[in-house]
Amino acid sequence: MNITLISPINGFKSLSLAVDKFKPETVVLLTDDKNSSENKDIMEELYKKMGRFLEIKIYEIDNKDLYLIASQTFNIISKEIKQNKKVILHLTEDYSIQGMALSYAACSFIHDIYKLTIMDPTTDKIVDLPLFNYNISKNKIKILLYINNGVNNVKDLSEKTELSSSMTYNHIKDLRKSGYIDPDKLELTTAGKIAILNFQE
């Protein structure tokens, strides 16, 4: 099975070590400026390292909205998974919003991605990170999806989910406590919107 490594483009040392370790056929790079001279230098170095048989895809994700970045990242990962690739998500040592979105997306693809990795700065070795999921029940997912689609009162949520009003209230309370629903109104937070990416058509 072909390996695809998906990573923010920043942090060349870490990226280079991951390419050395996993020897992917495809490297997907996430950036906010694919035409920068620094990014062109990184691509050139990757081609030198892996040769002309390495496929490099660069996606420019130039947006400051975390949800939109996570959504675009989710779609990129989904596309690679659908091609039956063994997908490795690699976080680089330099903080980036693309890296944050990648780690959020990993939670949605816990059963589909092969690894989530990062470079240990103390040893310069690539290490696996634990894969977490959002741990949200099916009924809570339904509630989040209905709220996202405009249902904005408990009575309607209760009817649509076929749950009692008290059970619906309890789920909403739990979802608020977890940060998925706004504390003051029946609207999803950014975390809530990201958590349901994998459940939207």
C-alpha atoms as a PDB file:
ATOM      1  CA  MET A   1       0.000   0.000   0.000  1.00  0.00           C
ATOM      2  CA  ASN A   2       1.310   3.451  -0.924  1.00  0.00           C
ATOM      3  CA  ILE A   3       2.205   5.830   1.883  1.00  0.00           C
ATOM      4  CA  THR A   4       1.112   9.457   1.956  1.00  0.00           C
ATOM      5  CA  LEU A   5       2.741  11.791   4.469  1.00  0.00           C
ATOM      6  CA  ILE A   6       0.702  14.920   5.234  1.00  0.00           C
ATOM      7  CA  SER A   7       2.447  17.741   7.061  1.00  0.00           C
ATOM      8  CA  PRO A   8       2.686  21.496   7.416  1.00  0.00           C
ATOM      9  CA  ILE A   9       5.523  22.694   5.201  1.00  0.00           C
ATOM     10  CA  ASN A  10       7.251  24.629   7.975  1.00  0.00           C
ATOM     11  CA  GLY A  11       9.919  22.904  10.079  1.00  0.00           C
ATOM     12  CA  PHE A  12      12.053  21.313   7.362  1.00  0.00           C
ATOM     13  CA  LYS A  13      14.264  19.310   9.738  1.00  0.00           C
ATOM     14  CA  SER A  14      11.307  17.441  11.190  1.00  0.00           C
ATOM     15  CA  LEU A  15       9.693  16.979   7.783  1.00  0.00           C
ATOM     16  CA  SER A  16      12.956  15.677   6.312  1.00  0.00           C
ATOM     17  CA  LEU A  17      13.371  13.135   9.107  1.00  0.00           C
ATOM     18  CA  ALA A  18       9.788  11.907   8.630  1.00  0.00           C
ATOM     19  CA  VAL A  19      10.359  11.489   4.884  1.00  0.00           C
ATOM     20  CA  ASP A  20      13.569   9.554   5.628  1.00  0.00           C
ATOM     21  CA  LYS A  21      11.809   7.280   8.100  1.00  0.00           C
ATOM     22  CA  PHE A  22       8.613   6.474   6.210  1.00  0.00           C
ATOM     23  CA  LYS A  23       9.771   6.822   2.578  1.00  0.00           C
ATOM     24  CA  PRO A  24       6.362   7.950   1.296  1.00  0.00           C
ATOM     25  CA  GLU A  25       5.414   7.908  -2.360  1.00  0.00           C
ATOM     26  CA  THR A  26       3.420  11.114  -1.829  1.00  0.00           C
ATOM     27  CA  VAL A  27       4.076  14.090   0.428  1.00  0.00           C
ATOM     28  CA  VAL A  28       1.189  16.500   0.958  1.00  0.00           C
ATOM     29  CA  LEU A  29       2.308  19.857   2.300  1.00  0.00           C
ATOM     30  CA  LEU A  30       0.043  22.421   3.937  1.00  0.00           C
ATOM     31  CA  THR A  31       1.017  26.076   3.822  1.00  0.00           C
ATOM     32  CA  ASP A  32      -0.420  29.569   3.852  1.00  0.00           C
ATOM     33  CA  ASP A  33       1.867  30.711   1.001  1.00  0.00           C
ATOM     34  CA  LYS A  34       2.953  28.102  -1.536  1.00  0.00           C
ATOM     35  CA  ASN A  35       4.893  30.631  -3.611  1.00  0.00           C
ATOM     36  CA  SER A  36       7.247  31.777  -0.855  1.00  0.00           C
ATOM     37  CA  SER A  37      10.957  31.338  -1.543  1.00  0.00           C
ATOM     38  CA  GLU A  38      11.326  29.331   1.675  1.00  0.00           C
ATOM     39  CA  ASN A  39       8.676  26.850   0.546  1.00  0.00           C
ATOM     40  CA  LYS A  40      10.277  26.515  -2.875  1.00  0.00           C
ATOM     41  CA  ASP A  41      13.610  25.754  -1.181  1.00  0.00           C
ATOM     42  CA  ILE A  42      11.964  23.055   0.955  1.00  0.00           C
ATOM     43  CA  MET A  43      10.406  21.430  -2.124  1.00  0.00           C
ATOM     44  CA  GLU A  44      13.750  21.478  -3.907  1.00  0.00           C
ATOM     45  CA  GLU A  45      15.418  19.808  -0.919  1.00  0.00           C
ATOM     46  CA  LEU A  46      12.711  17.140  -0.810  1.00  0.00           C
ATOM     47  CA  TYR A  47      13.186  16.361  -4.502  1.00  0.00           C
ATOM     48  CA  LYS A  48      16.939  16.085  -3.930  1.00  0.00           C
ATOM     49  CA  LYS A  49      16.364  13.733  -1.030  1.00  0.00           C
ATOM     50  CA  MET A  50      13.721  11.484  -2.595  1.00  0.00           C
ATOM     51  CA  GLY A  51      14.342  11.850  -6.303  1.00  0.00           C
ATOM     52  CA  ARG A  52      11.975  12.532  -9.125  1.00  0.00           C
ATOM     53  CA  PHE A  53       9.629   9.678  -8.190  1.00  0.00           C
ATOM     54  CA  LEU A  54       8.329  11.490  -5.140  1.00  0.00           C
ATOM     55  CA  GLU A  55       4.961  13.129  -5.722  1.00  0.00           C
ATOM     56  CA  ILE A  56       4.634  16.409  -3.850  1.00  0.00           C
ATOM     57  CA  LYS A  57       1.276  18.127  -3.503  1.00  0.00           C
ATOM     58  CA  ILE A  58       1.049  21.572  -1.970  1.00  0.00           C
ATOM     59  CA  TYR A  59      -2.216  22.945  -0.653  1.00  0.00           C
ATOM     60  CA  GLU A  60      -2.433  26.599   0.189  1.00  0.00           C
ATOM     61  CA  ILE A  61      -4.724  27.088   3.145  1.00  0.00           C
ATOM     62  CA  ASP A  62      -4.699  30.834   3.595  1.00  0.00           C
ATOM     63  CA  ASN A  63      -7.341  31.576   6.146  1.00  0.00           C
ATOM     64  CA  LYS A  64      -7.259  32.649   9.776  1.00  0.00           C
ATOM     65  CA  ASP A  65     -10.514  30.889  10.693  1.00  0.00           C
ATOM     66  CA  LEU A  66      -9.609  27.658  12.504  1.00  0.00           C
ATOM     67  CA  TYR A  67     -12.818  25.900  11.493  1.00  0.00           C
ATOM     68  CA  LEU A  68     -12.313  26.646   7.787  1.00  0.00           C
ATOM     69  CA  ILE A  69      -8.678  25.522   8.000  1.00  0.00           C
ATOM     70  CA  ALA A  70      -9.710  22.300   9.796  1.00  0.00           C
ATOM     71  CA  SER A  71     -12.457  21.712   7.223  1.00  0.00           C
ATOM     72  CA  GLN A  72     -10.058  22.126   4.287  1.00  0.00           C
ATOM     73  CA  THR A  73      -7.502  19.897   6.027  1.00  0.00           C
ATOM     74  CA  PHE A  74     -10.192  17.295   6.676  1.00  0.00           C
ATOM     75  CA  ASN A  75     -11.059  17.223   2.953  1.00  0.00           C
ATOM     76  CA  ILE A  76      -7.401  16.823   1.962  1.00  0.00           C
ATOM     77  CA  ILE A  77      -6.934  13.868   4.328  1.00  0.00           C
ATOM     78  CA  SER A  78     -10.236  12.322   3.219  1.00  0.00           C
ATOM     79  CA  LYS A  79      -9.156  12.464  -0.428  1.00  0.00           C
ATOM     80  CA  GLU A  80      -5.931  10.556   0.317  1.00  0.00           C
ATOM     81  CA  ILE A  81      -7.725   7.945   2.449  1.00  0.00           C
ATOM     82  CA  LYS A  82     -10.274   7.326  -0.326  1.00  0.00           C
ATOM     83  CA  GLN A  83      -7.380   6.433  -2.634  1.00  0.00           C
ATOM     84  CA  ASN A  84      -6.489   3.571  -0.264  1.00  0.00           C
ATOM     85  CA  LYS A  85      -3.301   5.255   0.858  1.00  0.00           C
ATOM     86  CA  LYS A  86      -1.624   4.519   4.185  1.00  0.00           C
ATOM     87  CA  VAL A  87      -1.858   8.040   5.592  1.00  0.00           C
ATOM     88  CA  ILE A  88       0.607   9.429   8.134  1.00  0.00           C
ATOM     89  CA  LEU A  89      -0.086  12.837   9.655  1.00  0.00           C
ATOM     90  CA  HIS A  90       3.125  14.533  10.740  1.00  0.00           C
ATOM     91  CA  LEU A  91       3.278  17.609  12.968  1.00  0.00           C
ATOM     92  CA  THR A  92       6.329  19.821  12.622  1.00  0.00           C
ATOM     93  CA  GLU A  93       8.242  21.455  15.448  1.00  0.00           C
ATOM     94  CA  ASP A  94       7.276  24.989  14.416  1.00  0.00           C
ATOM     95  CA  TYR A  95       3.838  25.979  15.643  1.00  0.00           C
ATOM     96  CA  SER A  96       1.390  26.570  12.821  1.00  0.00           C
ATOM     97  CA  ILE A  97      -2.359  26.789  12.527  1.00  0.00           C
ATOM     98  CA  GLN A  98      -2.140  24.117   9.803  1.00  0.00           C
ATOM     99  CA  GLY A  99      -0.502  21.793  12.338  1.00  0.00           C
ATOM    100  CA  MET A 100      -3.249  22.496  14.845  1.00  0.00           C
ATOM    101  CA  ALA A 101      -5.889  21.739  12.219  1.00  0.00           C
ATOM    102  CA  LEU A 102      -4.041  18.536  11.323  1.00  0.00           C
ATOM    103  CA  SER A 103      -4.132  17.345  14.930  1.00  0.00           C
ATOM    104  CA  TYR A 104      -7.873  18.125  15.177  1.00  0.00           C
ATOM    105  CA  ALA A 105      -8.513  16.253  11.930  1.00  0.00           C
ATOM    106  CA  ALA A 106      -6.598  13.256  13.298  1.00  0.00           C
ATOM    107  CA  CYS A 107      -9.316  12.910  15.949  1.00  0.00           C
ATOM    108  CA  SER A 108     -11.914  12.542  13.191  1.00  0.00           C
ATOM    109  CA  PHE A 109      -9.894   9.912  11.324  1.00  0.00           C
ATOM    110  CA  ILE A 110      -8.760   7.841  14.298  1.00  0.00           C
ATOM    111  CA  HIS A 111      -9.680   4.557  12.553  1.00  0.00           C
ATOM    112  CA  ASP A 112      -8.472   5.577   9.091  1.00  0.00           C
ATOM    113  CA  ILE A 113      -5.021   7.096   9.513  1.00  0.00           C
ATOM    114  CA  TYR A 114      -1.956   4.954  10.048  1.00  0.00           C
ATOM    115  CA  LYS A 115       0.002   7.230  12.380  1.00  0.00           C
ATOM    116  CA  LEU A 116       0.198  10.682  13.939  1.00  0.00           C
ATOM    117  CA  THR A 117       3.839  11.639  14.442  1.00  0.00           C
ATOM    118  CA  ILE A 118       6.134  14.449  15.558  1.00  0.00           C
ATOM    119  CA  MET A 119       9.860  14.938  16.043  1.00  0.00           C
ATOM    120  CA  ASP A 120      11.125  14.628  19.610  1.00  0.00           C
ATOM    121  CA  PRO A 121      13.378  17.728  19.882  1.00  0.00           C
ATOM    122  CA  THR A 122      15.545  16.093  22.567  1.00  0.00           C
ATOM    123  CA  THR A 123      16.536  13.152  20.363  1.00  0.00           C
ATOM    124  CA  ASP A 124      15.741  14.331  16.820  1.00  0.00           C
ATOM    125  CA  LYS A 125      13.761  11.126  16.327  1.00  0.00           C
ATOM    126  CA  ILE A 126      10.293  10.748  14.877  1.00  0.00           C
ATOM    127  CA  VAL A 127       7.890   9.461  17.510  1.00  0.00           C
ATOM    128  CA  ASP A 128       4.249   8.390  17.429  1.00  0.00           C
ATOM    129  CA  LEU A 129       1.646  10.511  19.161  1.00  0.00           C
ATOM    130  CA  PRO A 130      -1.440   8.928  20.729  1.00  0.00           C
ATOM    131  CA  LEU A 131      -4.608   9.064  18.680  1.00  0.00           C
ATOM    132  CA  PHE A 132      -7.593  10.493  20.500  1.00  0.00           C
ATOM    133  CA  ASN A 133     -11.176  10.744  19.386  1.00  0.00           C
ATOM    134  CA  TYR A 134     -13.861  13.209  20.379  1.00  0.00           C
ATOM    135  CA  ASN A 135     -15.633  10.527  22.423  1.00  0.00           C
ATOM    136  CA  ILE A 136     -19.111  11.814  21.653  1.00  0.00           C
ATOM    137  CA  SER A 137     -22.096   9.429  21.711  1.00  0.00           C
ATOM    138  CA  LYS A 138     -24.354   8.971  18.680  1.00  0.00           C
ATOM    139  CA  ASN A 139     -27.179  10.919  20.351  1.00  0.00           C
ATOM    140  CA  LYS A 140     -24.859  13.825  21.129  1.00  0.00           C
ATOM    141  CA  ILE A 141     -23.615  13.802  17.532  1.00  0.00           C
ATOM    142  CA  LYS A 142     -27.240  14.013  16.367  1.00  0.00           C
ATOM    143  CA  ILE A 143     -27.846  16.986  18.655  1.00  0.00           C
ATOM    144  CA  LEU A 144     -24.740  18.768  17.344  1.00  0.00           C
ATOM    145  CA  LEU A 145     -25.744  18.090  13.741  1.00  0.00           C
ATOM    146  CA  TYR A 146     -29.294  19.390  14.264  1.00  0.00           C
ATOM    147  CA  ILE A 147     -28.022  22.530  16.002  1.00  0.00           C
ATOM    148  CA  ASN A 148     -25.557  23.035  13.164  1.00  0.00           C
ATOM    149  CA  ASN A 149     -28.475  22.800  10.718  1.00  0.00           C
ATOM    150  CA  GLY A 150     -30.415  25.529  12.517  1.00  0.00           C
ATOM    151  CA  VAL A 151     -32.512  23.748  15.146  1.00  0.00           C
ATOM    152  CA  ASN A 152     -32.333  26.176  18.050  1.00  0.00           C
ATOM    153  CA  ASN A 153     -34.653  24.977  20.803  1.00  0.00           C
ATOM    154  CA  VAL A 154     -34.748  21.959  23.077  1.00  0.00           C
ATOM    155  CA  LYS A 155     -38.317  20.956  22.173  1.00  0.00           C
ATOM    156  CA  ASP A 156     -37.466  20.575  18.473  1.00  0.00           C
ATOM    157  CA  LEU A 157     -34.192  18.828  19.283  1.00  0.00           C
ATOM    158  CA  SER A 158     -36.040  16.395  21.512  1.00  0.00           C
ATOM    159  CA  GLU A 159     -38.562  15.596  18.769  1.00  0.00           C
ATOM    160  CA  LYS A 160     -35.961  15.190  16.033  1.00  0.00           C
ATOM    161  CA  THR A 161     -33.650  12.997  18.105  1.00  0.00           C
ATOM    162  CA  GLU A 162     -36.573  11.071  19.661  1.00  0.00           C
ATOM    163  CA  LEU A 163     -35.127  11.686  23.119  1.00  0.00           C
ATOM    164  CA  SER A 164     -36.976  12.928  26.164  1.00  0.00           C
ATOM    165  CA  SER A 165     -36.646  16.624  26.991  1.00  0.00           C
ATOM    166  CA  SER A 166     -34.715  15.838  30.164  1.00  0.00           C
ATOM    167  CA  MET A 167     -32.266  13.567  28.279  1.00  0.00           C
ATOM    168  CA  THR A 168     -31.828  16.264  25.632  1.00  0.00           C
ATOM    169  CA  TYR A 169     -31.123  18.860  28.344  1.00  0.00           C
ATOM    170  CA  ASN A 170     -28.562  16.529  29.940  1.00  0.00           C
ATOM    171  CA  HIS A 171     -26.786  15.965  26.616  1.00  0.00           C
ATOM    172  CA  ILE A 172     -26.709  19.706  25.949  1.00  0.00           C
ATOM    173  CA  LYS A 173     -25.302  20.304  29.431  1.00  0.00           C
ATOM    174  CA  ASP A 174     -22.536  17.726  28.799  1.00  0.00           C
ATOM    175  CA  LEU A 175     -21.774  19.168  25.377  1.00  0.00           C
ATOM    176  CA  ARG A 176     -21.518  22.670  26.855  1.00  0.00           C
ATOM    177  CA  LYS A 177     -19.192  21.389  29.561  1.00  0.00           C
ATOM    178  CA  SER A 178     -16.992  19.807  26.886  1.00  0.00           C
ATOM    179  CA  GLY A 179     -16.911  23.085  24.939  1.00  0.00           C
ATOM    180  CA  TYR A 180     -18.915  21.963  21.905  1.00  0.00           C
ATOM    181  CA  ILE A 181     -21.953  24.206  22.478  1.00  0.00           C
ATOM    182  CA  ASP A 182     -21.860  27.898  23.412  1.00  0.00           C
ATOM    183  CA  PRO A 183     -22.600  28.399  27.137  1.00  0.00           C
ATOM    184  CA  ASP A 184     -25.133  31.177  26.517  1.00  0.00           C
ATOM    185  CA  LYS A 185     -26.993  30.118  23.380  1.00  0.00           C
ATOM    186  CA  LEU A 186     -27.834  26.986  21.428  1.00  0.00           C
ATOM    187  CA  GLU A 187     -25.043  27.357  18.870  1.00  0.00           C
ATOM    188  CA  LEU A 188     -21.975  25.274  18.143  1.00  0.00           C
ATOM    189  CA  THR A 189     -18.568  26.557  19.108  1.00  0.00           C
ATOM    190  CA  THR A 190     -15.625  26.157  16.733  1.00  0.00           C
ATOM    191  CA  ALA A 191     -14.767  22.940  18.612  1.00  0.00           C
ATOM    192  CA  GLY A 192     -18.308  21.667  18.047  1.00  0.00           C
ATOM    193  CA  LYS A 193     -18.171  22.399  14.325  1.00  0.00           C
ATOM    194  CA  ILE A 194     -14.816  20.645  13.999  1.00  0.00           C
ATOM    195  CA  ALA A 195     -16.015  17.634  16.017  1.00  0.00           C
ATOM    196  CA  ILE A 196     -18.819  16.879  13.537  1.00  0.00           C
ATOM    197  CA  LEU A 197     -16.823  17.282  10.313  1.00  0.00           C
ATOM    198  CA  ASN A 198     -16.699  13.533   9.827  1.00  0.00           C
ATOM    199  CA  PHE A 199     -20.477  13.214  10.197  1.00  0.00           C
ATOM    200  CA  GLN A 200     -21.567  15.774   7.633  1.00  0.00           C
ATOM    201  CA  GLU A 201     -22.461  14.784   4.106  1.00  0.00           C
END
